């Protein structure tokens, strides 16, 4: 009887470990997909830095770089978070 109980307990521990490993795999696959997406976005951004029009767009829009004689008017954002 004790042997059967021990085997049942050991089997249950194996099943629980298997479920934990499956959860870990699923979480790691999700994290991997997120990291792949982030890498893709960063590669796209890096490629865009070779485009002078894009660099000018970022410099003018984000950093308010102007050409000589230009004036910049910055209006408040309509978004709630202040961006």
Protein backbone atom coordinates (compact mmCIF):
# COMPACT_ATOMS: atom_id res chain seq x y z
CA UNK A 1 0.00 0.00 0.00
CA UNK A 2 2.78 2.42 0.92
CA UNK A 3 4.56 1.61 -2.33
CA UNK A 4 1.43 2.42 -4.33
CA UNK A 5 1.01 5.69 -2.48
CA UNK A 6 4.63 6.60 -3.15
CA UNK A 7 4.30 5.80 -6.87
CA UNK A 8 1.09 7.85 -7.07
CA UNK A 9 2.77 10.78 -5.32
CA UNK A 10 5.85 10.56 -7.58
CA UNK A 11 3.60 10.41 -10.66
CA UNK A 12 1.67 13.44 -9.47
CA UNK A 13 4.93 15.37 -8.96
CA UNK A 14 5.97 14.49 -12.52
CA UNK A 15 2.65 15.72 -13.91
CA UNK A 16 2.94 18.96 -11.93
CA UNK A 17 6.51 19.49 -13.15
CA UNK A 18 5.39 18.86 -16.72
CA UNK A 19 2.63 21.47 -16.40
CA UNK A 20 5.08 24.01 -14.95
CA UNK A 21 7.51 23.36 -17.80
CA UNK A 22 4.74 23.84 -20.37
CA UNK A 23 3.75 27.15 -18.75
CA UNK A 24 7.37 28.25 -18.79
CA UNK A 25 7.73 27.31 -22.45
CA UNK A 26 4.57 29.24 -23.36
CA UNK A 27 5.77 32.31 -21.46
CA UNK A 28 9.20 32.12 -23.08
CA UNK A 29 7.69 31.73 -26.55
CA UNK A 30 5.55 34.82 -25.96
CA UNK A 31 8.57 36.77 -24.73
CA UNK A 32 10.56 35.57 -27.74
CA UNK A 33 7.83 36.78 -30.10
CA UNK A 34 7.83 40.18 -28.39
CA UNK A 35 11.61 40.41 -28.67
CA UNK A 36 11.47 39.41 -32.34
CA UNK A 37 8.95 42.19 -32.97
CA UNK A 38 11.12 44.70 -31.10
CA UNK A 39 14.17 43.63 -33.10
CA UNK A 40 12.22 44.06 -36.33
CA UNK A 41 11.13 47.55 -35.26
CA UNK A 42 14.70 48.50 -34.36
CA UNK A 43 16.03 47.19 -37.68
CA UNK A 44 13.40 49.23 -39.52
CA UNK A 45 14.36 52.32 -37.53
CA UNK A 46 18.04 51.72 -38.28
CA UNK A 47 17.30 51.36 -41.99
CA UNK A 48 15.27 54.59 -41.89
CA UNK A 49 18.31 56.45 -40.56
CA UNK A 50 19.90 55.99 -44.00
CA UNK A 51 17.04 58.01 -45.52
CA UNK A 52 17.84 61.75 -45.32
CA UNK A 53 14.15 62.69 -45.57
CA UNK A 54 13.33 60.54 -42.53
CA UNK A 55 16.22 61.98 -40.52
CA UNK A 56 15.04 65.50 -41.40
CA UNK A 57 11.46 64.57 -40.43
CA UNK A 58 12.61 63.31 -37.01
CA UNK A 59 14.94 66.28 -36.43
CA UNK A 60 12.25 68.80 -37.33
CA UNK A 61 9.35 67.05 -35.57
CA UNK A 62 10.90 65.74 -32.41
CA UNK A 63 13.77 68.14 -31.82
CA UNK A 64 12.34 71.29 -33.45
CA UNK A 65 15.36 71.78 -35.71
CA UNK A 66 14.68 74.58 -38.17
CA UNK A 67 16.16 75.95 -41.34
CA UNK A 68 17.55 79.46 -41.26
CA UNK A 69 14.75 82.02 -41.13
CA UNK A 70 12.01 79.54 -40.18
CA UNK A 71 9.82 79.88 -37.13
CA UNK A 72 8.39 76.91 -35.26
CA UNK A 73 5.01 76.97 -33.61
CA UNK A 74 4.35 74.06 -31.28
CA UNK A 75 0.74 73.39 -30.41
CA UNK A 76 -0.40 71.38 -27.40
CA UNK A 77 -1.09 67.74 -28.09
CA UNK A 78 -4.66 66.47 -28.17
CA UNK A 79 -3.54 63.27 -26.41
CA UNK A 80 -4.16 62.98 -22.68
CA UNK A 81 -0.65 61.73 -21.84
CA UNK A 82 1.00 64.95 -23.00
CA UNK A 83 2.97 63.52 -25.93
